[in-house]
Amino acid sequence: MGSPDPVRLVELGPGRGTLISDALRAARIVPAFRN
């Protein structure tokens, strides 16, 4: 997308939050994305 900052990361119906929690942990390897 051209690395927009900010970018909305939206989850529909996140359940317990497990998916987004795991996704954010994995995203640590791309610091600019997490930031």
All heavy atoms as atom14 arrays in JSON, in Angstrom:
{
  "sequence": "MGSPDPVRLVELGPGRGTLISDALRAARIVPAFRN",
  "atom14_mask": [
    [1, 1, 1, 1, 1, 1, 1, 1, 0, 0, 0, 0, 0, 0],
    [1, 1, 1, 1, 0, 0, 0, 0, 0, 0, 0, 0, 0, 0],
    [1, 1, 1, 1, 1, 1, 0, 0, 0, 0, 0, 0, 0, 0],
    [1, 1, 1, 1, 1, 1, 1, 0, 0, 0, 0, 0, 0, 0],
    [1, 1, 1, 1, 1, 1, 1, 1, 0, 0, 0, 0, 0, 0],
    [1, 1, 1, 1, 1, 1, 1, 0, 0, 0, 0, 0, 0, 0],
    [1, 1, 1, 1, 1, 1, 1, 0, 0, 0, 0, 0, 0, 0],
    [1, 1, 1, 1, 1, 1, 1, 1, 1, 1, 1, 0, 0, 0],
    [1, 1, 1, 1, 1, 1, 1, 1, 0, 0, 0, 0, 0, 0],
    [1, 1, 1, 1, 1, 1, 1, 0, 0, 0, 0, 0, 0, 0],
    [1, 1, 1, 1, 1, 1, 1, 1, 1, 0, 0, 0, 0, 0],
    [1, 1, 1, 1, 1, 1, 1, 1, 0, 0, 0, 0, 0, 0],
    [1, 1, 1, 1, 0, 0, 0, 0, 0, 0, 0, 0, 0, 0],
    [1, 1, 1, 1, 1, 1, 1, 0, 0, 0, 0, 0, 0, 0],
    [1, 1, 1, 1, 0, 0, 0, 0, 0, 0, 0, 0, 0, 0],
    [1, 1, 1, 1, 1, 1, 1, 1, 1, 1, 1, 0, 0, 0],
    [1, 1, 1, 1, 0, 0, 0, 0, 0, 0, 0, 0, 0, 0],
    [1, 1, 1, 1, 1, 1, 1, 0, 0, 0, 0, 0, 0, 0],
    [1, 1, 1, 1, 1, 1, 1, 1, 0, 0, 0, 0, 0, 0],
    [1, 1, 1, 1, 1, 1, 1, 1, 0, 0, 0, 0, 0, 0],
    [1, 1, 1, 1, 1, 1, 0, 0, 0, 0, 0, 0, 0, 0],
    [1, 1, 1, 1, 1, 1, 1, 1, 0, 0, 0, 0, 0, 0],
    [1, 1, 1, 1, 1, 0, 0, 0, 0, 0, 0, 0, 0, 0],
    [1, 1, 1, 1, 1, 1, 1, 1, 0, 0, 0, 0, 0, 0],
    [1, 1, 1, 1, 1, 1, 1, 1, 1, 1, 1, 0, 0, 0],
    [1, 1, 1, 1, 1, 0, 0, 0, 0, 0, 0, 0, 0, 0],
    [1, 1, 1, 1, 1, 0, 0, 0, 0, 0, 0, 0, 0, 0],
    [1, 1, 1, 1, 1, 1, 1, 1, 1, 1, 1, 0, 0, 0],
    [1, 1, 1, 1, 1, 1, 1, 1, 0, 0, 0, 0, 0, 0],
    [1, 1, 1, 1, 1, 1, 1, 0, 0, 0, 0, 0, 0, 0],
    [1, 1, 1, 1, 1, 1, 1, 0, 0, 0, 0, 0, 0, 0],
    [1, 1, 1, 1, 1, 0, 0, 0, 0, 0, 0, 0, 0, 0],
    [1, 1, 1, 1, 1, 1, 1, 1, 1, 1, 1, 0, 0, 0],
    [1, 1, 1, 1, 1, 1, 1, 1, 1, 1, 1, 0, 0, 0],
    [1, 1, 1, 1, 1, 1, 1, 1, 0, 0, 0, 0, 0, 0]
  ],
  "atom14_positions": [
    [[0.82, -1.21, 0.0], [0.0, 0.0, 0.0], [0.85, 1.26, 0.0], [0.32, 2.38, -0.07], [-0.92, 0.0, 1.23], [-1.99, -1.07, 1.23], [-2.72, -1.33, 2.88], [-3.42, 0.27, 3.25], [0.0, 0.0, 0.0], [0.0, 0.0, 0.0], [0.0, 0.0, 0.0], [0.0, 0.0, 0.0], [0.0, 0.0, 0.0], [0.0, 0.0, 0.0]],
    [[2.17, 1.1, 0.12], [3.04, 2.27, 0.21], [3.39, 2.64, 1.63], [3.82, 3.76, 1.9], [0.0, 0.0, 0.0], [0.0, 0.0, 0.0], [0.0, 0.0, 0.0], [0.0, 0.0, 0.0], [0.0, 0.0, 0.0], [0.0, 0.0, 0.0], [0.0, 0.0, 0.0], [0.0, 0.0, 0.0], [0.0, 0.0, 0.0], [0.0, 0.0, 0.0]],
    [[3.15, 1.71, 2.57], [3.49, 1.89, 3.99], [2.86, 3.14, 4.61], [3.56, 3.99, 5.18], [5.02, 1.93, 4.16], [5.61, 0.78, 3.6], [0.0, 0.0, 0.0], [0.0, 0.0, 0.0], [0.0, 0.0, 0.0], [0.0, 0.0, 0.0], [0.0, 0.0, 0.0], [0.0, 0.0, 0.0], [0.0, 0.0, 0.0], [0.0, 0.0, 0.0]],
    [[1.53, 3.29, 4.5], [0.9, 4.48, 5.08], [1.02, 4.51, 6.6], [1.01, 3.47, 7.26], [-0.57, 4.34, 4.64], [-0.76, 2.86, 4.45], [0.55, 2.36, 3.92], [0.0, 0.0, 0.0], [0.0, 0.0, 0.0], [0.0, 0.0, 0.0], [0.0, 0.0, 0.0], [0.0, 0.0, 0.0], [0.0, 0.0, 0.0], [0.0, 0.0, 0.0]],
    [[1.12, 5.72, 7.15], [1.22, 5.91, 8.59], [0.37, 7.12, 8.96], [0.68, 8.25, 8.56], [2.69, 6.14, 8.99], [2.91, 6.23, 10.49], [1.9, 6.18, 11.23], [4.07, 6.36, 10.91], [0.0, 0.0, 0.0], [0.0, 0.0, 0.0], [0.0, 0.0, 0.0], [0.0, 0.0, 0.0], [0.0, 0.0, 0.0], [0.0, 0.0, 0.0]],
    [[-0.76, 6.89, 9.68], [-1.17, 5.62, 10.27], [-1.93, 4.74, 9.28], [-2.36, 5.2, 8.22], [-2.11, 6.07, 11.39], [-2.75, 7.32, 10.84], [-1.66, 8.0, 10.05], [0.0, 0.0, 0.0], [0.0, 0.0, 0.0], [0.0, 0.0, 0.0], [0.0, 0.0, 0.0], [0.0, 0.0, 0.0], [0.0, 0.0, 0.0], [0.0, 0.0, 0.0]],
    [[-2.12, 3.47, 9.68], [-2.98, 2.55, 8.95], [-3.92, 1.91, 9.96], [-3.5, 1.55, 11.07], [-2.16, 1.48, 8.2], [-1.36, 0.6, 9.16], [-3.06, 0.62, 7.32], [0.0, 0.0, 0.0], [0.0, 0.0, 0.0], [0.0, 0.0, 0.0], [0.0, 0.0, 0.0], [0.0, 0.0, 0.0], [0.0, 0.0, 0.0], [0.0, 0.0, 0.0]],
    [[-5.19, 1.83, 9.62], [-6.16, 1.18, 10.51], [-6.07, -0.33, 10.32], [-6.21, -0.82, 9.21], [-7.59, 1.62, 10.2], [-7.77, 3.1, 9.88], [-7.47, 4.0, 11.05], [-7.67, 5.4, 10.67], [-7.16, 6.43, 11.31], [-6.43, 6.24, 12.4], [-7.38, 7.67, 10.9], [0.0, 0.0, 0.0], [0.0, 0.0, 0.0], [0.0, 0.0, 0.0]],
    [[-5.81, -1.05, 11.4], [-5.89, -2.51, 11.37], [-7.17, -2.88, 12.1], [-7.28, -2.69, 13.32], [-4.68, -3.15, 12.04], [-4.66, -4.69, 12.08], [-4.7, -5.28, 10.67], [-3.45, -5.2, 12.85], [0.0, 0.0, 0.0], [0.0, 0.0, 0.0], [0.0, 0.0, 0.0], [0.0, 0.0, 0.0], [0.0, 0.0, 0.0], [0.0, 0.0, 0.0]],
    [[-8.14, -3.38, 11.34], [-9.49, -3.59, 11.86], [-9.77, -5.08, 11.91], [-9.54, -5.8, 10.93], [-10.53, -2.89, 10.96], [-11.93, -3.06, 11.53], [-10.18, -1.41, 10.78], [0.0, 0.0, 0.0], [0.0, 0.0, 0.0], [0.0, 0.0, 0.0], [0.0, 0.0, 0.0], [0.0, 0.0, 0.0], [0.0, 0.0, 0.0], [0.0, 0.0, 0.0]],
    [[-10.29, -5.56, 13.04], [-10.78, -6.94, 13.07], [-12.26, -6.94, 13.35], [-12.74, -6.29, 14.29], [-10.06, -7.81, 14.1], [-10.5, -9.27, 13.96], [-9.82, -10.24, 14.9], [-8.99, -9.84, 15.71], [-10.17, -11.45, 14.81], [0.0, 0.0, 0.0], [0.0, 0.0, 0.0], [0.0, 0.0, 0.0], [0.0, 0.0, 0.0], [0.0, 0.0, 0.0]],
    [[-13.0, -7.69, 12.54], [-14.44, -7.84, 12.7], [-14.72, -9.04, 13.6], [-14.33, -10.16, 13.29], [-15.09, -8.08, 11.33], [-14.76, -7.07, 10.23], [-15.3, -7.56, 8.88], [-15.31, -5.69, 10.56], [0.0, 0.0, 0.0], [0.0, 0.0, 0.0], [0.0, 0.0, 0.0], [0.0, 0.0, 0.0], [0.0, 0.0, 0.0], [0.0, 0.0, 0.0]],
    [[-15.37, -8.8, 14.73], [-15.71, -9.9, 15.63], [-14.47, -10.62, 16.15], [-14.22, -11.76, 15.77], [0.0, 0.0, 0.0], [0.0, 0.0, 0.0], [0.0, 0.0, 0.0], [0.0, 0.0, 0.0], [0.0, 0.0, 0.0], [0.0, 0.0, 0.0], [0.0, 0.0, 0.0], [0.0, 0.0, 0.0], [0.0, 0.0, 0.0], [0.0, 0.0, 0.0]],
    [[-13.68, -9.99, 17.02], [-12.38, -10.54, 17.4], [-12.39, -11.69, 18.39], [-11.32, -12.14, 18.81], [-11.67, -9.32, 18.03], [-12.51, -8.14, 17.72], [-13.9, -8.65, 17.57], [0.0, 0.0, 0.0], [0.0, 0.0, 0.0], [0.0, 0.0, 0.0], [0.0, 0.0, 0.0], [0.0, 0.0, 0.0], [0.0, 0.0, 0.0], [0.0, 0.0, 0.0]],
    [[-13.57, -12.18, 18.81], [-13.59, -13.28, 19.75], [-12.95, -12.9, 21.06], [-13.26, -11.87, 21.66], [0.0, 0.0, 0.0], [0.0, 0.0, 0.0], [0.0, 0.0, 0.0], [0.0, 0.0, 0.0], [0.0, 0.0, 0.0], [0.0, 0.0, 0.0], [0.0, 0.0, 0.0], [0.0, 0.0, 0.0], [0.0, 0.0, 0.0], [0.0, 0.0, 0.0]],
    [[-12.03, -13.72, 21.54], [-11.31, -13.41, 22.77], [-10.17, -12.4, 22.55], [-9.56, -11.94, 23.5], [-10.69, -14.69, 23.34], [-11.66, -15.69, 23.91], [-10.9, -16.97, 24.23], [-11.69, -17.91, 25.02], [-11.34, -19.18, 25.19], [-10.22, -19.65, 24.64], [-12.09, -19.99, 25.92], [0.0, 0.0, 0.0], [0.0, 0.0, 0.0], [0.0, 0.0, 0.0]],
    [[-9.86, -12.13, 21.28], [-8.73, -11.27, 20.96], [-7.48, -12.06, 20.63], [-6.4, -11.48, 20.44], [0.0, 0.0, 0.0], [0.0, 0.0, 0.0], [0.0, 0.0, 0.0], [0.0, 0.0, 0.0], [0.0, 0.0, 0.0], [0.0, 0.0, 0.0], [0.0, 0.0, 0.0], [0.0, 0.0, 0.0], [0.0, 0.0, 0.0], [0.0, 0.0, 0.0]],
    [[-7.62, -13.37, 20.54], [-6.45, -14.23, 20.31], [-5.78, -13.95, 18.98], [-4.55, -13.85, 18.9], [-6.88, -15.71, 20.38], [-7.55, -15.95, 21.62], [-5.66, -16.63, 20.28], [0.0, 0.0, 0.0], [0.0, 0.0, 0.0], [0.0, 0.0, 0.0], [0.0, 0.0, 0.0], [0.0, 0.0, 0.0], [0.0, 0.0, 0.0], [0.0, 0.0, 0.0]],
    [[-6.56, -13.83, 17.91], [-5.98, -13.62, 16.59], [-5.18, -12.32, 16.54], [-4.03, -12.3, 16.11], [-7.08, -13.62, 15.52], [-6.64, -13.58, 14.05], [-7.74, -14.15, 13.16], [-6.29, -12.19, 13.57], [0.0, 0.0, 0.0], [0.0, 0.0, 0.0], [0.0, 0.0, 0.0], [0.0, 0.0, 0.0], [0.0, 0.0, 0.0], [0.0, 0.0, 0.0]],
    [[-5.78, -11.22, 17.0], [-5.1, -9.93, 16.89], [-3.89, -9.89, 17.81], [-2.86, -9.28, 17.49], [-6.08, -8.77, 17.17], [-5.52, -7.44, 16.67], [-6.46, -8.68, 18.63], [-5.45, -7.33, 15.17], [0.0, 0.0, 0.0], [0.0, 0.0, 0.0], [0.0, 0.0, 0.0], [0.0, 0.0, 0.0], [0.0, 0.0, 0.0], [0.0, 0.0, 0.0]],
    [[-3.96, -10.56, 18.95], [-2.81, -10.62, 19.86], [-1.64, -11.34, 19.2], [-0.5, -10.85, 19.23], [-3.21, -11.32, 21.16], [-2.1, -11.49, 22.01], [0.0, 0.0, 0.0], [0.0, 0.0, 0.0], [0.0, 0.0, 0.0], [0.0, 0.0, 0.0], [0.0, 0.0, 0.0], [0.0, 0.0, 0.0], [0.0, 0.0, 0.0], [0.0, 0.0, 0.0]],
    [[-1.92, -12.48, 18.58], [-0.86, -13.23, 17.89], [-0.33, -12.45, 16.69], [0.88, -12.45, 16.4], [-1.38, -14.59, 17.44], [-1.67, -15.53, 18.61], [-1.09, -15.31, 19.7], [-2.46, -16.48, 18.44], [0.0, 0.0, 0.0], [0.0, 0.0, 0.0], [0.0, 0.0, 0.0], [0.0, 0.0, 0.0], [0.0, 0.0, 0.0], [0.0, 0.0, 0.0]],
    [[-1.23, -11.76, 15.98], [-0.82, -10.98, 14.82], [0.11, -9.84, 15.22], [1.13, -9.58, 14.55], [-2.05, -10.43, 14.09], [0.0, 0.0, 0.0], [0.0, 0.0, 0.0], [0.0, 0.0, 0.0], [0.0, 0.0, 0.0], [0.0, 0.0, 0.0], [0.0, 0.0, 0.0], [0.0, 0.0, 0.0], [0.0, 0.0, 0.0], [0.0, 0.0, 0.0]],
    [[-0.21, -9.17, 16.3], [0.62, -8.05, 16.75], [1.98, -8.52, 17.24], [2.99, -7.85, 17.05], [-0.1, -7.27, 17.85], [-1.36, -6.51, 17.41], [-2.06, -5.88, 18.6], [-1.02, -5.45, 16.36], [0.0, 0.0, 0.0], [0.0, 0.0, 0.0], [0.0, 0.0, 0.0], [0.0, 0.0, 0.0], [0.0, 0.0, 0.0], [0.0, 0.0, 0.0]],
    [[2.0, -9.69, 17.87], [3.3, -10.23, 18.31], [4.18, -10.55, 17.11], [5.37, -10.21, 17.09], [3.07, -11.49, 19.16], [4.37, -12.06, 19.75], [4.14, -13.28, 20.6], [3.57, -14.38, 19.84], [2.3, -14.77, 19.94], [1.47, -14.15, 20.75], [1.85, -15.78, 19.22], [0.0, 0.0, 0.0], [0.0, 0.0, 0.0], [0.0, 0.0, 0.0]],
    [[3.61, -11.18, 16.1], [4.39, -11.52, 14.9], [4.86, -10.26, 14.18], [5.95, -10.24, 13.58], [3.56, -12.39, 13.96], [0.0, 0.0, 0.0], [0.0, 0.0, 0.0], [0.0, 0.0, 0.0], [0.0, 0.0, 0.0], [0.0, 0.0, 0.0], [0.0, 0.0, 0.0], [0.0, 0.0, 0.0], [0.0, 0.0, 0.0], [0.0, 0.0, 0.0]],
    [[4.05, -9.19, 14.24], [4.39, -7.96, 13.52], [5.58, -7.23, 14.12], [6.06, -6.26, 13.53], [3.17, -7.03, 13.5], [0.0, 0.0, 0.0], [0.0, 0.0, 0.0], [0.0, 0.0, 0.0], [0.0, 0.0, 0.0], [0.0, 0.0, 0.0], [0.0, 0.0, 0.0], [0.0, 0.0, 0.0], [0.0, 0.0, 0.0], [0.0, 0.0, 0.0]],
    [[6.09, -7.7, 15.25], [7.28, -7.07, 15.83], [8.49, -7.14, 14.9], [9.41, -6.33, 15.02], [7.62, -7.73, 17.16], [6.65, -7.39, 18.29], [6.97, -8.19, 19.54], [6.02, -7.9, 20.61], [5.88, -8.64, 21.7], [6.65, -9.7, 21.88], [4.98, -8.32, 22.62], [0.0, 0.0, 0.0], [0.0, 0.0, 0.0], [0.0, 0.0, 0.0]],
    [[8.48, -8.11, 14.0], [9.63, -8.22, 13.09], [9.59, -7.15, 12.0], [10.53, -7.03, 11.22], [9.73, -9.63, 12.46], [8.59, -9.87, 11.48], [9.77, -10.71, 13.53], [8.76, -11.15, 10.68], [0.0, 0.0, 0.0], [0.0, 0.0, 0.0], [0.0, 0.0, 0.0], [0.0, 0.0, 0.0], [0.0, 0.0, 0.0], [0.0, 0.0, 0.0]],
    [[8.48, -6.39, 11.95], [8.38, -5.25, 11.02], [8.05, -4.02, 11.87], [6.9, -3.57, 11.92], [7.3, -5.49, 9.95], [7.38, -4.41, 8.87], [7.4, -6.86, 9.34], [0.0, 0.0, 0.0], [0.0, 0.0, 0.0], [0.0, 0.0, 0.0], [0.0, 0.0, 0.0], [0.0, 0.0, 0.0], [0.0, 0.0, 0.0], [0.0, 0.0, 0.0]],
    [[9.04, -3.46, 12.57], [8.79, -2.36, 13.52], [8.04, -1.18, 12.92], [7.17, -0.59, 13.58], [10.19, -1.96, 13.98], [11.02, -3.19, 13.76], [10.46, -3.84, 12.54], [0.0, 0.0, 0.0], [0.0, 0.0, 0.0], [0.0, 0.0, 0.0], [0.0, 0.0, 0.0], [0.0, 0.0, 0.0], [0.0, 0.0, 0.0], [0.0, 0.0, 0.0]],
    [[8.36, -0.81, 11.69], [7.7, 0.34, 11.07], [6.2, 0.1, 10.91], [5.38, 1.01, 11.08], [8.33, 0.65, 9.72], [0.0, 0.0, 0.0], [0.0, 0.0, 0.0], [0.0, 0.0, 0.0], [0.0, 0.0, 0.0], [0.0, 0.0, 0.0], [0.0, 0.0, 0.0], [0.0, 0.0, 0.0], [0.0, 0.0, 0.0], [0.0, 0.0, 0.0]],
    [[5.82, -1.15, 10.61], [4.41, -1.51, 10.49], [3.72, -1.39, 11.84], [2.66, -0.76, 11.96], [4.29, -2.93, 9.93], [2.9, -3.49, 9.91], [1.87, -2.83, 9.24], [2.6, -4.68, 10.57], [0.58, -3.35, 9.22], [1.32, -5.2, 10.55], [0.31, -4.53, 9.88], [0.0, 0.0, 0.0], [0.0, 0.0, 0.0], [0.0, 0.0, 0.0]],
    [[4.3, -1.99, 12.87], [3.7, -1.91, 14.21], [3.55, -0.47, 14.67], [2.54, -0.08, 15.26], [4.54, -2.7, 15.22], [3.99, -4.08, 15.52], [4.84, -4.8, 16.55], [4.75, -4.18, 17.87], [3.97, -4.63, 18.84], [3.19, -5.67, 18.64], [3.96, -4.03, 20.02], [0.0, 0.0, 0.0], [0.0, 0.0, 0.0], [0.0, 0.0, 0.0]],
    [[4.55, 0.34, 14.4], [4.5, 1.73, 14.83], [3.43, 2.53, 14.11], [2.94, 3.54, 14.63], [5.87, 2.39, 14.62], [6.94, 1.84, 15.53], [6.63, 1.25, 16.58], [8.2, 1.99, 15.14], [0.0, 0.0, 0.0], [0.0, 0.0, 0.0], [0.0, 0.0, 0.0], [0.0, 0.0, 0.0], [0.0, 0.0, 0.0], [0.0, 0.0, 0.0]]
  ]
}
